[in-house]
Structure formats: structure tokens, C-alpha cells
Amino acid sequence: MYRLPYAYCYRCPYSLTYPSCNLRCATPAFEDFFKRHVAAESVAAVIIEPVLGEGGFVVPPREFFDQLQAVCRQNAF
């Protein structure tokens, strides 16, 4: 199991500001993860919680899931 930082714009894990960050937590982070940590062909599933609910509600920007889906489709085998 691998974990990536979530799209939490109020407390950005990359210390950036939305929307000028270009969603660093989505496409660039995901692509980098496939290059550095695990090969895309070794991943069976990507599971993402759409709204984090632990200690409050964290809703990612609307395009976050679209970008993640695009990266997954590009790396599908």
C-alpha cells in the first residue's frame, strides 16, 4: 500500500496556493510517484476517498479527480 498527500488546498502539502499551483497534488505528483516509487504496471487499483472526513471535511478541487483519472488512463495496461 502506498499513500500520497491529499488535495487539501487550505493546508497544501506542497506549500502552494490554489489555483496557481496547477494542482501539484494531482498530475505531477501522481506521475512522479509512478516514476520513483512503484511502476504503474505493478498497481492493481487506486483508491481515493472523495471527501476526507476525519477532523473536518476536506473537499478537493473539482478538477482533482479528472486529472488523477487521466494519469491512470495513460498508465493503464
PDB file of N, CA and C in Angstrom:
ATOM      1  N   MET A   1       0.839  -1.167   0.000  1.00  0.00           N
ATOM      2  CA  MET A   1       0.000   0.000   0.000  1.00  0.00           C
ATOM      3  C   MET A   1       0.890   1.237   0.000  1.00  0.00           C
ATOM      4  N   TYR A   2       0.546   2.178  -0.829  1.00  0.00           N
ATOM      5  CA  TYR A   2       1.279   3.438  -0.922  1.00  0.00           C
ATOM      6  C   TYR A   2       0.311   4.586  -0.640  1.00  0.00           C
ATOM      7  N   ARG A   3       0.835   5.674  -0.123  1.00  0.00           N
ATOM      8  CA  ARG A   3      -0.003   6.843   0.170  1.00  0.00           C
ATOM      9  C   ARG A   3       0.626   8.093  -0.420  1.00  0.00           C
ATOM     10  N   LEU A   4      -0.247   8.949  -0.912  1.00  0.00           N
ATOM     11  CA  LEU A   4       0.164  10.245  -1.456  1.00  0.00           C
ATOM     12  C   LEU A   4      -0.546  11.353  -0.690  1.00  0.00           C
ATOM     13  N   PRO A   5       0.033  12.544  -0.632  1.00  0.00           N
ATOM     14  CA  PRO A   5      -0.664  13.665   0.006  1.00  0.00           C
ATOM     15  C   PRO A   5      -1.984  13.962  -0.706  1.00  0.00           C
ATOM     16  N   TYR A   6      -2.981  14.356   0.061  1.00  0.00           N
ATOM     17  CA  TYR A   6      -4.309  14.650  -0.482  1.00  0.00           C
ATOM     18  C   TYR A   6      -4.393  16.101  -0.935  1.00  0.00           C
ATOM     19  N   ALA A   7      -5.353  16.392  -1.758  1.00  0.00           N
ATOM     20  CA  ALA A   7      -5.577  17.753  -2.260  1.00  0.00           C
ATOM     21  C   ALA A   7      -6.271  18.587  -1.182  1.00  0.00           C
ATOM     22  N   TYR A   8      -5.497  19.070  -0.250  1.00  0.00           N
ATOM     23  CA  TYR A   8      -6.020  19.878   0.852  1.00  0.00           C
ATOM     24  C   TYR A   8      -5.511  21.299   0.640  1.00  0.00           C
ATOM     25  N   CYS A   9      -6.297  22.085  -0.073  1.00  0.00           N
ATOM     26  CA  CYS A   9      -5.843  23.412  -0.501  1.00  0.00           C
ATOM     27  C   CYS A   9      -5.629  24.386   0.651  1.00  0.00           C
ATOM     28  N   TYR A  10      -6.344  24.209   1.758  1.00  0.00           N
ATOM     29  CA  TYR A  10      -6.175  25.115   2.895  1.00  0.00           C
ATOM     30  C   TYR A  10      -4.809  24.926   3.552  1.00  0.00           C
ATOM     31  N   ARG A  11      -4.369  23.674   3.638  1.00  0.00           N
ATOM     32  CA  ARG A  11      -3.046  23.345   4.185  1.00  0.00           C
ATOM     33  C   ARG A  11      -2.307  22.474   3.162  1.00  0.00           C
ATOM     34  N   CYS A  12      -1.914  23.099   2.103  1.00  0.00           N
ATOM     35  CA  CYS A  12      -1.300  22.393   0.980  1.00  0.00           C
ATOM     36  C   CYS A  12      -0.034  21.661   1.421  1.00  0.00           C
ATOM     37  N   PRO A  13       0.065  20.353   1.117  1.00  0.00           N
ATOM     38  CA  PRO A  13       1.270  19.604   1.485  1.00  0.00           C
ATOM     39  C   PRO A  13       2.513  20.066   0.716  1.00  0.00           C
ATOM     40  N   TYR A  14       2.315  20.824  -0.362  1.00  0.00           N
ATOM     41  CA  TYR A  14       3.429  21.328  -1.157  1.00  0.00           C
ATOM     42  C   TYR A  14       3.660  22.817  -0.936  1.00  0.00           C
ATOM     43  N   SER A  15       2.954  23.411   0.025  1.00  0.00           N
ATOM     44  CA  SER A  15       3.064  24.839   0.372  1.00  0.00           C
ATOM     45  C   SER A  15       2.781  25.746  -0.824  1.00  0.00           C
ATOM     46  N   LEU A  16       1.778  25.379  -1.612  1.00  0.00           N
ATOM     47  CA  LEU A  16       1.377  26.164  -2.772  1.00  0.00           C
ATOM     48  C   LEU A  16      -0.022  26.726  -2.554  1.00  0.00           C
ATOM     49  N   THR A  17      -0.476  27.566  -3.466  1.00  0.00           N
ATOM     50  CA  THR A  17      -1.792  28.184  -3.366  1.00  0.00           C
ATOM     51  C   THR A  17      -2.626  27.831  -4.586  1.00  0.00           C
ATOM     52  N   TYR A  18      -3.848  27.407  -4.353  1.00  0.00           N
ATOM     53  CA  TYR A  18      -4.780  27.086  -5.437  1.00  0.00           C
ATOM     54  C   TYR A  18      -5.383  28.381  -5.955  1.00  0.00           C
ATOM     55  N   PRO A  19      -5.538  28.582  -7.217  1.00  0.00           N
ATOM     56  CA  PRO A  19      -5.359  27.708  -8.362  1.00  0.00           C
ATOM     57  C   PRO A  19      -3.997  27.843  -9.045  1.00  0.00           C
ATOM     58  N   SER A  20      -3.142  28.719  -8.553  1.00  0.00           N
ATOM     59  CA  SER A  20      -1.841  28.899  -9.203  1.00  0.00           C
ATOM     60  C   SER A  20      -0.935  27.680  -9.064  1.00  0.00           C
ATOM     61  N   CYS A  21      -1.288  26.743  -8.210  1.00  0.00           N
ATOM     62  CA  CYS A  21      -0.479  25.536  -8.011  1.00  0.00           C
ATOM     63  C   CYS A  21      -0.590  24.559  -9.176  1.00  0.00           C
ATOM     64  N   ASN A  22      -1.616  24.758 -10.034  1.00  0.00           N
ATOM     65  CA  ASN A  22      -1.881  23.823 -11.141  1.00  0.00           C
ATOM     66  C   ASN A  22      -2.066  22.402 -10.634  1.00  0.00           C
ATOM     67  N   LEU A  23      -2.642  22.294  -9.460  1.00  0.00           N
ATOM     68  CA  LEU A  23      -2.908  21.006  -8.810  1.00  0.00           C
ATOM     69  C   LEU A  23      -1.671  20.105  -8.774  1.00  0.00           C
ATOM     70  N   ARG A  24      -0.647  20.590  -8.163  1.00  0.00           N
ATOM     71  CA  ARG A  24       0.609  19.836  -7.997  1.00  0.00           C
ATOM     72  C   ARG A  24       0.349  18.491  -7.330  1.00  0.00           C
ATOM     73  N   CYS A  25      -0.696  18.430  -6.505  1.00  0.00           N
ATOM     74  CA  CYS A  25      -1.022  17.203  -5.788  1.00  0.00           C
ATOM     75  C   CYS A  25      -1.678  16.159  -6.686  1.00  0.00           C
ATOM     76  N   ALA A  26      -2.029  16.522  -7.900  1.00  0.00           N
ATOM     77  CA  ALA A  26      -2.690  15.581  -8.804  1.00  0.00           C
ATOM     78  C   ALA A  26      -1.717  15.055  -9.855  1.00  0.00           C
ATOM     79  N   THR A  27      -1.756  15.613 -11.032  1.00  0.00           N
ATOM     80  CA  THR A  27      -0.981  15.078 -12.151  1.00  0.00           C
ATOM     81  C   THR A  27       0.521  14.997 -11.890  1.00  0.00           C
ATOM     82  N   PRO A  28       1.195  16.090 -11.547  1.00  0.00           N
ATOM     83  CA  PRO A  28       2.649  15.973 -11.339  1.00  0.00           C
ATOM     84  C   PRO A  28       3.021  14.994 -10.218  1.00  0.00           C
ATOM     85  N   ALA A  29       2.286  15.032  -9.130  1.00  0.00           N
ATOM     86  CA  ALA A  29       2.609  14.154  -8.001  1.00  0.00           C
ATOM     87  C   ALA A  29       2.380  12.687  -8.367  1.00  0.00           C
ATOM     88  N   PHE A  30       1.281  12.415  -9.049  1.00  0.00           N
ATOM     89  CA  PHE A  30       0.958  11.046  -9.428  1.00  0.00           C
ATOM     90  C   PHE A  30       1.957  10.489 -10.432  1.00  0.00           C
ATOM     91  N   GLU A  31       2.274  11.278 -11.446  1.00  0.00           N
ATOM     92  CA  GLU A  31       3.243  10.834 -12.451  1.00  0.00           C
ATOM     93  C   GLU A  31       4.610  10.609 -11.819  1.00  0.00           C
ATOM     94  N   ASP A  32       5.019  11.498 -10.951  1.00  0.00           N
ATOM     95  CA  ASP A  32       6.293  11.364 -10.251  1.00  0.00           C
ATOM     96  C   ASP A  32       6.304  10.107  -9.382  1.00  0.00           C
ATOM     97  N   PHE A  33       5.178   9.817  -8.754  1.00  0.00           N
ATOM     98  CA  PHE A  33       5.078   8.635  -7.905  1.00  0.00           C
ATOM     99  C   PHE A  33       5.287   7.355  -8.714  1.00  0.00           C
ATOM    100  N   PHE A  34       4.691   7.312  -9.918  1.00  0.00           N
ATOM    101  CA  PHE A  34       4.862   6.139 -10.778  1.00  0.00           C
ATOM    102  C   PHE A  34       6.305   6.002 -11.262  1.00  0.00           C
ATOM    103  N   LYS A  35       7.021   7.085 -11.373  1.00  0.00           N
ATOM    104  CA  LYS A  35       8.411   7.033 -11.821  1.00  0.00           C
ATOM    105  C   LYS A  35       9.375   6.662 -10.695  1.00  0.00           C
ATOM    106  N   ARG A  36       9.108   7.145  -9.484  1.00  0.00           N
ATOM    107  CA  ARG A  36      10.074   6.993  -8.389  1.00  0.00           C
ATOM    108  C   ARG A  36       9.796   5.868  -7.405  1.00  0.00           C
ATOM    109  N   HIS A  37       8.518   5.521  -7.184  1.00  0.00           N
ATOM    110  CA  HIS A  37       8.199   4.592  -6.103  1.00  0.00           C
ATOM    111  C   HIS A  37       7.690   3.225  -6.558  1.00  0.00           C
ATOM    112  N   VAL A  38       6.800   3.224  -7.512  1.00  0.00           N
ATOM    113  CA  VAL A  38       6.242   1.952  -7.966  1.00  0.00           C
ATOM    114  C   VAL A  38       5.896   2.081  -9.451  1.00  0.00           C
ATOM    115  N   ALA A  39       6.194   1.049 -10.195  1.00  0.00           N
ATOM    116  CA  ALA A  39       5.868   1.057 -11.622  1.00  0.00           C
ATOM    117  C   ALA A  39       4.357   0.959 -11.796  1.00  0.00           C
ATOM    118  N   ALA A  40       3.826   1.698 -12.733  1.00  0.00           N
ATOM    119  CA  ALA A  40       2.377   1.723 -12.955  1.00  0.00           C
ATOM    120  C   ALA A  40       1.824   0.332 -13.224  1.00  0.00           C
ATOM    121  N   GLU A  41       2.576  -0.508 -13.907  1.00  0.00           N
ATOM    122  CA  GLU A  41       2.084  -1.860 -14.200  1.00  0.00           C
ATOM    123  C   GLU A  41       2.008  -2.749 -12.961  1.00  0.00           C
ATOM    124  N   SER A  42       2.578  -2.322 -11.847  1.00  0.00           N
ATOM    125  CA  SER A  42       2.516  -3.071 -10.599  1.00  0.00           C
ATOM    126  C   SER A  42       1.364  -2.624  -9.701  1.00  0.00           C
ATOM    127  N   VAL A  43       0.601  -1.646 -10.146  1.00  0.00           N
ATOM    128  CA  VAL A  43      -0.515  -1.121  -9.348  1.00  0.00           C
ATOM    129  C   VAL A  43      -1.808  -1.772  -9.815  1.00  0.00           C
ATOM    130  N   ALA A  44      -2.514  -2.410  -8.873  1.00  0.00           N
ATOM    131  CA  ALA A  44      -3.765  -3.082  -9.209  1.00  0.00           C
ATOM    132  C   ALA A  44      -4.961  -2.137  -9.114  1.00  0.00           C
ATOM    133  N   ALA A  45      -4.903  -1.177  -8.204  1.00  0.00           N
ATOM    134  CA  ALA A  45      -6.033  -0.262  -8.015  1.00  0.00           C
ATOM    135  C   ALA A  45      -5.553   1.027  -7.369  1.00  0.00           C
ATOM    136  N   VAL A  46      -6.291   2.072  -7.641  1.00  0.00           N
ATOM    137  CA  VAL A  46      -6.058   3.360  -6.985  1.00  0.00           C
ATOM    138  C   VAL A  46      -7.353   3.689  -6.248  1.00  0.00           C
ATOM    139  N   ILE A  47      -7.258   3.793  -4.948  1.00  0.00           N
ATOM    140  CA  ILE A  47      -8.434   4.063  -4.124  1.00  0.00           C
ATOM    141  C   ILE A  47      -8.265   5.436  -3.498  1.00  0.00           C
ATOM    142  N   ILE A  48      -9.253   6.290  -3.724  1.00  0.00           N
ATOM    143  CA  ILE A  48      -9.192   7.662  -3.228  1.00  0.00           C
ATOM    144  C   ILE A  48     -10.482   7.981  -2.500  1.00  0.00           C
ATOM    145  N   GLU A  49     -10.348   8.542  -1.336  1.00  0.00           N
ATOM    146  CA  GLU A  49     -11.519   8.979  -0.580  1.00  0.00           C
ATOM    147  C   GLU A  49     -11.975  10.323  -1.162  1.00  0.00           C
ATOM    148  N   PRO A  50     -13.196  10.412  -1.697  1.00  0.00           N
ATOM    149  CA  PRO A  50     -13.621  11.638  -2.368  1.00  0.00           C
ATOM    150  C   PRO A  50     -13.722  12.852  -1.445  1.00  0.00           C
ATOM    151  N   VAL A  51     -14.128  12.632  -0.196  1.00  0.00           N
ATOM    152  CA  VAL A  51     -14.193  13.711   0.790  1.00  0.00           C
ATOM    153  C   VAL A  51     -13.606  13.172   2.080  1.00  0.00           C
ATOM    154  N   LEU A  52     -12.511  13.780   2.535  1.00  0.00           N
ATOM    155  CA  LEU A  52     -11.933  13.353   3.801  1.00  0.00           C
ATOM    156  C   LEU A  52     -12.817  13.852   4.924  1.00  0.00           C
ATOM    157  N   GLY A  53     -13.089  13.007   5.917  1.00  0.00           N
ATOM    158  CA  GLY A  53     -13.998  13.398   6.979  1.00  0.00           C
ATOM    159  C   GLY A  53     -13.406  13.306   8.365  1.00  0.00           C
ATOM    160  N   GLU A  54     -12.166  12.983   8.478  1.00  0.00           N
ATOM    161  CA  GLU A  54     -11.508  12.869   9.781  1.00  0.00           C
ATOM    162  C   GLU A  54     -11.085  14.261  10.255  1.00  0.00           C
ATOM    163  N   GLY A  55     -11.689  14.751  11.323  1.00  0.00           N
ATOM    164  CA  GLY A  55     -11.310  16.054  11.868  1.00  0.00           C
ATOM    165  C   GLY A  55     -11.795  17.223  11.042  1.00  0.00           C
ATOM    166  N   GLY A  56     -12.912  17.067  10.369  1.00  0.00           N
ATOM    167  CA  GLY A  56     -13.453  18.105   9.495  1.00  0.00           C
ATOM    168  C   GLY A  56     -13.689  17.541   8.113  1.00  0.00           C
ATOM    169  N   PHE A  57     -14.152  18.354   7.209  1.00  0.00           N
ATOM    170  CA  PHE A  57     -14.417  17.892   5.853  1.00  0.00           C
ATOM    171  C   PHE A  57     -13.463  18.578   4.889  1.00  0.00           C
ATOM    172  N   VAL A  58     -12.743  17.773   4.118  1.00  0.00           N
ATOM    173  CA  VAL A  58     -11.804  18.292   3.131  1.00  0.00           C
ATOM    174  C   VAL A  58     -12.302  17.855   1.751  1.00  0.00           C
ATOM    175  N   VAL A  59     -12.690  18.830   0.967  1.00  0.00           N
ATOM    176  CA  VAL A  59     -13.175  18.569  -0.388  1.00  0.00           C
ATOM    177  C   VAL A  59     -12.130  19.081  -1.370  1.00  0.00           C
ATOM    178  N   PRO A  60     -11.617  18.217  -2.242  1.00  0.00           N
ATOM    179  CA  PRO A  60     -10.604  18.662  -3.202  1.00  0.00           C
ATOM    180  C   PRO A  60     -11.227  19.505  -4.302  1.00  0.00           C
ATOM    181  N   PRO A  61     -10.410  20.244  -5.046  1.00  0.00           N
ATOM    182  CA  PRO A  61     -10.929  21.000  -6.191  1.00  0.00           C
ATOM    183  C   PRO A  61     -11.583  20.058  -7.200  1.00  0.00           C
ATOM    184  N   ARG A  62     -12.546  20.560  -7.927  1.00  0.00           N
ATOM    185  CA  ARG A  62     -13.328  19.754  -8.866  1.00  0.00           C
ATOM    186  C   ARG A  62     -12.456  19.002  -9.880  1.00  0.00           C
ATOM    187  N   GLU A  63     -11.426  19.637 -10.396  1.00  0.00           N
ATOM    188  CA  GLU A  63     -10.607  19.007 -11.441  1.00  0.00           C
ATOM    189  C   GLU A  63      -9.585  18.000 -10.900  1.00  0.00           C
ATOM    190  N   PHE A  64      -9.470  17.867  -9.596  1.00  0.00           N
ATOM    191  CA  PHE A  64      -8.522  16.931  -8.982  1.00  0.00           C
ATOM    192  C   PHE A  64      -8.752  15.505  -9.480  1.00  0.00           C
ATOM    193  N   PHE A  65      -9.982  15.037  -9.415  1.00  0.00           N
ATOM    194  CA  PHE A  65     -10.282  13.665  -9.825  1.00  0.00           C
ATOM    195  C   PHE A  65     -10.149  13.465 -11.325  1.00  0.00           C
ATOM    196  N   ASP A  66     -10.464  14.489 -12.096  1.00  0.00           N
ATOM    197  CA  ASP A  66     -10.291  14.399 -13.552  1.00  0.00           C
ATOM    198  C   ASP A  66      -8.825  14.194 -13.910  1.00  0.00           C
ATOM    199  N   GLN A  67      -7.951  14.932 -13.243  1.00  0.00           N
ATOM    200  CA  GLN A  67      -6.518  14.800 -13.514  1.00  0.00           C
ATOM    201  C   GLN A  67      -5.991  13.431 -13.076  1.00  0.00           C
ATOM    202  N   LEU A  68      -6.438  12.955 -11.923  1.00  0.00           N
ATOM    203  CA  LEU A  68      -5.995  11.632 -11.477  1.00  0.00           C
ATOM    204  C   LEU A  68      -6.475  10.540 -12.432  1.00  0.00           C
ATOM    205  N   GLN A  69      -7.705  10.675 -12.896  1.00  0.00           N
ATOM    206  CA  GLN A  69      -8.236   9.697 -13.834  1.00  0.00           C
ATOM    207  C   GLN A  69      -7.427   9.704 -15.132  1.00  0.00           C
ATOM    208  N   ALA A  70      -7.048  10.874 -15.600  1.00  0.00           N
ATOM    209  CA  ALA A  70      -6.265  10.973 -16.830  1.00  0.00           C
ATOM    210  C   ALA A  70      -4.912  10.284 -16.675  1.00  0.00           C
ATOM    211  N   VAL A  71      -4.263  10.468 -15.537  1.00  0.00           N
ATOM    212  CA  VAL A  71      -2.973   9.815 -15.292  1.00  0.00           C
ATOM    213  C   VAL A  71      -3.152   8.299 -15.235  1.00  0.00           C
ATOM    214  N   CYS A  72      -4.202   7.835 -14.576  1.00  0.00           N
ATOM    215  CA  CYS A  72      -4.452   6.403 -14.503  1.00  0.00           C
ATOM    216  C   CYS A  72      -4.704   5.814 -15.890  1.00  0.00           C
ATOM    217  N   ARG A  73      -5.464   6.510 -16.697  1.00  0.00           N
ATOM    218  CA  ARG A  73      -5.747   6.010 -18.058  1.00  0.00           C
ATOM    219  C   ARG A  73      -4.475   5.986 -18.921  1.00  0.00           C
ATOM    220  N   GLN A  74      -3.600   6.965 -18.745  1.00  0.00           N
ATOM    221  CA  GLN A  74      -2.364   6.989 -19.504  1.00  0.00           C
ATOM    222  C   GLN A  74      -1.453   5.828 -19.119  1.00  0.00           C
ATOM    223  N   ASN A  75      -1.556   5.380 -17.885  1.00  0.00           N
ATOM    224  CA  ASN A  75      -0.677   4.314 -17.404  1.00  0.00           C
ATOM    225  C   ASN A  75      -1.359   2.961 -17.327  1.00  0.00           C
ATOM    226  N   ALA A  76      -2.562   2.836 -17.863  1.00  0.00           N
ATOM    227  CA  ALA A  76      -3.287   1.573 -17.828  1.00  0.00           C
ATOM    228  C   ALA A  76      -2.655   0.567 -18.779  1.00  0.00           C
ATOM    229  N   PHE A  77      -2.678  -0.669 -18.356  1.00  0.00           N
ATOM    230  CA  PHE A  77      -2.119  -1.741 -19.190  1.00  0.00           C
ATOM    231  C   PHE A  77      -3.166  -2.751 -19.510  1.00  0.00           C
TER     232      PHE A  77
END
